[in-house]
Amino acid sequence: MYAIIETGGKQYRVQEGDVLLLDRLAREENETVVFDRVLAVKQGEEFRVGTPTLEGARVTGRVLGHGRSRKIIVFKYRPKVNYRRKRGHRQPFTRVKIERIEV
């Protein structure tokens, strides 16, 4: 059984027991988080798709912790005009373990 959920403007395929790295959620560690925007669910041979979401379907997870991903370098450069800008960025994330898929 798996579900396709939407959070943070992105879609994720999840199963029970999966650990996801999502965009930072405003939740404390060990807190339960519920994803109501379930786009599709596959259970056995049955595949249900919502328009755009499935009514009554939800995915429950637990926040394992927060962190920041690896640094990426943003370098802007324009030739012949002595324009150079170098910046770094670390995207914050939340680690979530999927506990239950309810249809």
N, C-alpha and C. Protein backbone atom coordinates (compact mmCIF):
# COMPACT_ATOMS: atom_id res chain seq x y z
N MET A 1 0.85 -1.18 0.00
CA MET A 1 0.00 0.00 0.00
C MET A 1 0.88 1.24 0.00
N TYR A 2 0.56 2.18 -0.86
CA TYR A 2 1.28 3.44 -0.86
C TYR A 2 0.32 4.57 -1.20
N ALA A 3 0.76 5.80 -0.91
CA ALA A 3 -0.05 6.98 -1.19
C ALA A 3 0.84 8.05 -1.80
N ILE A 4 0.22 8.95 -2.54
CA ILE A 4 0.92 10.11 -3.08
C ILE A 4 0.33 11.32 -2.37
N ILE A 5 1.20 12.04 -1.64
CA ILE A 5 0.75 13.21 -0.87
C ILE A 5 1.40 14.46 -1.42
N GLU A 6 0.79 15.59 -1.09
CA GLU A 6 1.35 16.88 -1.48
C GLU A 6 1.59 17.71 -0.23
N THR A 7 2.80 18.25 -0.11
CA THR A 7 3.13 19.15 0.98
C THR A 7 4.26 20.06 0.53
N GLY A 8 4.16 21.31 0.86
CA GLY A 8 5.19 22.26 0.49
C GLY A 8 5.29 22.48 -1.01
N GLY A 9 4.20 22.25 -1.75
CA GLY A 9 4.21 22.44 -3.19
C GLY A 9 4.88 21.30 -3.95
N LYS A 10 5.20 20.20 -3.25
CA LYS A 10 5.85 19.04 -3.88
C LYS A 10 5.03 17.80 -3.60
N GLN A 11 5.20 16.79 -4.44
CA GLN A 11 4.48 15.53 -4.28
C GLN A 11 5.46 14.44 -3.89
N TYR A 12 5.01 13.56 -2.98
CA TYR A 12 5.84 12.48 -2.47
C TYR A 12 5.06 11.18 -2.50
N ARG A 13 5.74 10.10 -2.89
CA ARG A 13 5.16 8.75 -2.84
C ARG A 13 5.61 8.13 -1.52
N VAL A 14 4.67 7.78 -0.65
CA VAL A 14 5.02 7.32 0.69
C VAL A 14 4.39 5.97 0.99
N GLN A 15 5.09 5.19 1.82
CA GLN A 15 4.58 3.95 2.38
C GLN A 15 4.75 4.02 3.89
N GLU A 16 4.09 3.15 4.60
CA GLU A 16 4.25 3.12 6.05
C GLU A 16 5.68 2.72 6.38
N GLY A 17 6.30 3.47 7.29
CA GLY A 17 7.68 3.20 7.68
C GLY A 17 8.71 4.03 6.93
N ASP A 18 8.31 4.75 5.89
CA ASP A 18 9.24 5.60 5.14
C ASP A 18 9.68 6.79 5.97
N VAL A 19 10.91 7.25 5.74
CA VAL A 19 11.41 8.47 6.37
C VAL A 19 11.65 9.48 5.26
N LEU A 20 11.01 10.65 5.36
CA LEU A 20 11.07 11.68 4.33
C LEU A 20 11.82 12.90 4.83
N LEU A 21 12.46 13.60 3.91
CA LEU A 21 13.02 14.92 4.19
C LEU A 21 12.12 15.93 3.49
N LEU A 22 11.33 16.66 4.27
CA LEU A 22 10.38 17.63 3.74
C LEU A 22 10.90 19.03 3.99
N ASP A 23 10.33 20.00 3.29
CA ASP A 23 10.63 21.39 3.61
C ASP A 23 10.24 21.64 5.06
N ARG A 24 10.91 22.56 5.70
CA ARG A 24 10.76 22.80 7.14
C ARG A 24 9.29 22.97 7.53
N LEU A 25 8.85 22.17 8.51
CA LEU A 25 7.50 22.26 9.05
C LEU A 25 7.57 22.91 10.43
N ALA A 26 6.57 23.68 10.78
CA ALA A 26 6.54 24.35 12.08
C ALA A 26 5.97 23.41 13.13
N ARG A 27 6.68 22.32 13.38
CA ARG A 27 6.27 21.33 14.38
C ARG A 27 7.46 21.02 15.28
N GLU A 28 7.16 20.60 16.50
CA GLU A 28 8.21 20.22 17.43
C GLU A 28 8.60 18.77 17.18
N GLU A 29 9.77 18.39 17.70
CA GLU A 29 10.23 17.02 17.56
C GLU A 29 9.30 16.07 18.32
N ASN A 30 9.04 14.90 17.76
CA ASN A 30 8.15 13.86 18.30
C ASN A 30 6.67 14.23 18.20
N GLU A 31 6.35 15.30 17.52
CA GLU A 31 4.95 15.71 17.35
C GLU A 31 4.36 14.99 16.14
N THR A 32 3.05 14.74 16.19
CA THR A 32 2.37 14.07 15.08
C THR A 32 1.95 15.11 14.04
N VAL A 33 2.13 14.75 12.78
CA VAL A 33 1.73 15.63 11.68
C VAL A 33 0.81 14.84 10.76
N VAL A 34 -0.29 15.49 10.30
CA VAL A 34 -1.28 14.84 9.45
C VAL A 34 -1.28 15.53 8.10
N PHE A 35 -1.16 14.73 7.04
CA PHE A 35 -1.20 15.24 5.68
C PHE A 35 -2.58 14.91 5.10
N ASP A 36 -3.40 15.96 4.86
CA ASP A 36 -4.75 15.78 4.34
C ASP A 36 -4.80 15.79 2.82
N ARG A 37 -3.79 16.36 2.20
CA ARG A 37 -3.78 16.44 0.73
C ARG A 37 -3.22 15.15 0.14
N VAL A 38 -4.07 14.12 0.11
CA VAL A 38 -3.70 12.82 -0.46
C VAL A 38 -4.24 12.80 -1.89
N LEU A 39 -3.35 12.69 -2.86
CA LEU A 39 -3.74 12.75 -4.26
C LEU A 39 -4.15 11.40 -4.82
N ALA A 40 -3.50 10.31 -4.36
CA ALA A 40 -3.82 8.98 -4.86
C ALA A 40 -3.41 7.94 -3.83
N VAL A 41 -4.08 6.79 -3.87
CA VAL A 41 -3.76 5.68 -2.97
C VAL A 41 -3.83 4.38 -3.77
N LYS A 42 -2.82 3.53 -3.57
CA LYS A 42 -2.85 2.18 -4.16
C LYS A 42 -2.89 1.19 -3.02
N GLN A 43 -3.96 0.38 -3.01
CA GLN A 43 -4.16 -0.60 -1.95
C GLN A 43 -4.47 -1.93 -2.62
N GLY A 44 -3.50 -2.84 -2.61
CA GLY A 44 -3.66 -4.10 -3.32
C GLY A 44 -3.67 -3.85 -4.82
N GLU A 45 -4.73 -4.28 -5.48
CA GLU A 45 -4.87 -4.04 -6.93
C GLU A 45 -5.67 -2.77 -7.22
N GLU A 46 -6.26 -2.20 -6.19
CA GLU A 46 -7.10 -1.01 -6.38
C GLU A 46 -6.25 0.26 -6.33
N PHE A 47 -6.42 1.12 -7.34
CA PHE A 47 -5.72 2.40 -7.40
C PHE A 47 -6.76 3.49 -7.49
N ARG A 48 -6.80 4.34 -6.44
CA ARG A 48 -7.80 5.42 -6.40
C ARG A 48 -7.10 6.75 -6.58
N VAL A 49 -7.66 7.59 -7.44
CA VAL A 49 -7.11 8.92 -7.72
C VAL A 49 -8.16 9.95 -7.36
N GLY A 50 -7.73 11.00 -6.68
CA GLY A 50 -8.65 12.06 -6.29
C GLY A 50 -8.79 13.12 -7.36
N THR A 51 -9.78 14.00 -7.20
CA THR A 51 -9.98 15.10 -8.14
C THR A 51 -10.10 16.41 -7.39
N PRO A 52 -9.10 17.08 -6.92
CA PRO A 52 -7.69 16.72 -6.97
C PRO A 52 -7.26 15.86 -5.78
N THR A 53 -8.04 15.83 -4.68
CA THR A 53 -7.63 15.03 -3.52
C THR A 53 -8.71 14.00 -3.20
N LEU A 54 -8.33 12.97 -2.47
CA LEU A 54 -9.28 11.94 -2.02
C LEU A 54 -9.97 12.41 -0.74
N GLU A 55 -11.28 12.33 -0.73
CA GLU A 55 -12.04 12.72 0.46
C GLU A 55 -11.86 11.67 1.55
N GLY A 56 -11.55 12.10 2.76
CA GLY A 56 -11.44 11.20 3.89
C GLY A 56 -10.11 10.48 4.01
N ALA A 57 -9.25 10.60 3.03
CA ALA A 57 -7.95 9.94 3.09
C ALA A 57 -6.96 10.87 3.79
N ARG A 58 -6.09 10.27 4.61
CA ARG A 58 -5.06 11.06 5.27
C ARG A 58 -3.88 10.18 5.62
N VAL A 59 -2.74 10.83 5.73
CA VAL A 59 -1.49 10.14 6.06
C VAL A 59 -0.96 10.77 7.35
N THR A 60 -0.61 9.93 8.31
CA THR A 60 -0.12 10.39 9.61
C THR A 60 1.36 10.07 9.73
N GLY A 61 2.12 11.04 10.22
CA GLY A 61 3.55 10.84 10.42
C GLY A 61 4.00 11.45 11.73
N ARG A 62 5.26 11.17 12.08
CA ARG A 62 5.85 11.70 13.32
C ARG A 62 7.13 12.44 12.96
N VAL A 63 7.31 13.63 13.53
CA VAL A 63 8.50 14.44 13.28
C VAL A 63 9.67 13.83 14.05
N LEU A 64 10.73 13.47 13.32
CA LEU A 64 11.92 12.89 13.95
C LEU A 64 12.94 13.96 14.31
N GLY A 65 12.93 15.07 13.59
CA GLY A 65 13.89 16.14 13.88
C GLY A 65 13.98 17.13 12.74
N HIS A 66 14.80 18.15 12.95
CA HIS A 66 15.01 19.19 11.96
C HIS A 66 16.50 19.25 11.62
N GLY A 67 16.81 19.87 10.50
CA GLY A 67 18.20 20.02 10.11
C GLY A 67 18.33 20.95 8.92
N ARG A 68 19.54 21.03 8.43
CA ARG A 68 19.82 21.84 7.24
C ARG A 68 20.64 20.99 6.28
N SER A 69 20.30 21.09 4.99
CA SER A 69 20.96 20.26 4.00
C SER A 69 22.35 20.82 3.67
N ARG A 70 23.05 20.16 2.75
CA ARG A 70 24.38 20.59 2.36
C ARG A 70 24.33 21.98 1.73
N LYS A 71 25.42 22.69 1.85
CA LYS A 71 25.48 24.04 1.32
C LYS A 71 25.62 24.01 -0.19
N ILE A 72 24.84 24.88 -0.85
CA ILE A 72 25.01 25.08 -2.28
C ILE A 72 25.54 26.49 -2.47
N ILE A 73 26.33 26.67 -3.50
CA ILE A 73 26.93 27.97 -3.81
C ILE A 73 26.12 28.64 -4.92
N VAL A 74 25.71 29.88 -4.68
CA VAL A 74 25.01 30.67 -5.68
C VAL A 74 25.99 31.73 -6.14
N PHE A 75 26.44 31.63 -7.39
CA PHE A 75 27.46 32.53 -7.91
C PHE A 75 26.90 33.26 -9.11
N LYS A 76 26.82 34.59 -9.01
CA LYS A 76 26.35 35.42 -10.13
C LYS A 76 27.56 36.10 -10.74
N TYR A 77 27.59 36.14 -12.07
CA TYR A 77 28.76 36.66 -12.76
C TYR A 77 28.31 37.31 -14.06
N ARG A 78 28.83 38.53 -14.31
CA ARG A 78 28.59 39.17 -15.60
C ARG A 78 29.95 39.52 -16.19
N PRO A 79 30.21 39.06 -17.37
CA PRO A 79 31.53 39.31 -17.95
C PRO A 79 31.75 40.78 -18.31
N LYS A 80 32.96 41.21 -18.21
CA LYS A 80 33.44 42.53 -18.67
C LYS A 80 32.96 43.71 -17.83
N VAL A 81 32.22 43.48 -16.75
CA VAL A 81 31.74 44.61 -15.95
C VAL A 81 32.15 44.49 -14.49
N ASN A 82 33.05 43.55 -14.18
CA ASN A 82 33.56 43.35 -12.82
C ASN A 82 32.41 43.13 -11.81
N TYR A 83 31.44 42.28 -12.19
CA TYR A 83 30.31 41.98 -11.33
C TYR A 83 30.38 40.52 -10.91
N ARG A 84 30.61 40.27 -9.63
CA ARG A 84 30.68 38.92 -9.09
C ARG A 84 30.01 38.93 -7.71
N ARG A 85 29.10 37.97 -7.50
CA ARG A 85 28.44 37.84 -6.19
C ARG A 85 28.45 36.36 -5.83
N LYS A 86 29.02 36.02 -4.70
CA LYS A 86 29.06 34.64 -4.25
C LYS A 86 28.34 34.54 -2.92
N ARG A 87 27.33 33.67 -2.89
CA ARG A 87 26.56 33.44 -1.67
C ARG A 87 26.37 31.96 -1.48
N GLY A 88 26.21 31.54 -0.24
CA GLY A 88 25.91 30.16 0.08
C GLY A 88 24.50 30.05 0.64
N HIS A 89 23.92 28.86 0.53
CA HIS A 89 22.56 28.64 1.03
C HIS A 89 22.43 27.21 1.53
N ARG A 90 21.84 27.04 2.71
CA ARG A 90 21.52 25.71 3.24
C ARG A 90 20.03 25.66 3.49
N GLN A 91 19.36 24.75 2.80
CA GLN A 91 17.90 24.64 2.88
C GLN A 91 17.51 23.91 4.16
N PRO A 92 16.64 24.49 5.00
CA PRO A 92 16.19 23.78 6.20
C PRO A 92 15.18 22.68 5.83
N PHE A 93 15.22 21.57 6.57
CA PHE A 93 14.30 20.47 6.30
C PHE A 93 13.80 19.89 7.61
N THR A 94 12.75 19.08 7.51
CA THR A 94 12.19 18.34 8.62
C THR A 94 12.17 16.87 8.23
N ARG A 95 12.65 16.01 9.12
CA ARG A 95 12.66 14.57 8.88
C ARG A 95 11.38 14.00 9.50
N VAL A 96 10.56 13.32 8.66
CA VAL A 96 9.26 12.80 9.09
C VAL A 96 9.20 11.31 8.79
N LYS A 97 8.73 10.51 9.77
CA LYS A 97 8.51 9.08 9.55
C LYS A 97 7.02 8.85 9.37
N ILE A 98 6.66 8.17 8.29
CA ILE A 98 5.26 7.89 7.99
C ILE A 98 4.81 6.71 8.84
N GLU A 99 3.73 6.91 9.61
CA GLU A 99 3.25 5.88 10.51
C GLU A 99 2.00 5.16 10.01
N ARG A 100 1.08 5.90 9.38
CA ARG A 100 -0.20 5.29 9.02
C ARG A 100 -0.78 5.96 7.79
N ILE A 101 -1.39 5.14 6.91
CA ILE A 101 -2.12 5.63 5.75
C ILE A 101 -3.58 5.19 5.93
N GLU A 102 -4.46 6.17 5.99
CA GLU A 102 -5.89 5.87 6.20
C GLU A 102 -6.66 6.28 4.95
N VAL A 103 -7.54 5.37 4.52
CA VAL A 103 -8.36 5.65 3.31
C VAL A 103 -9.81 5.78 3.72
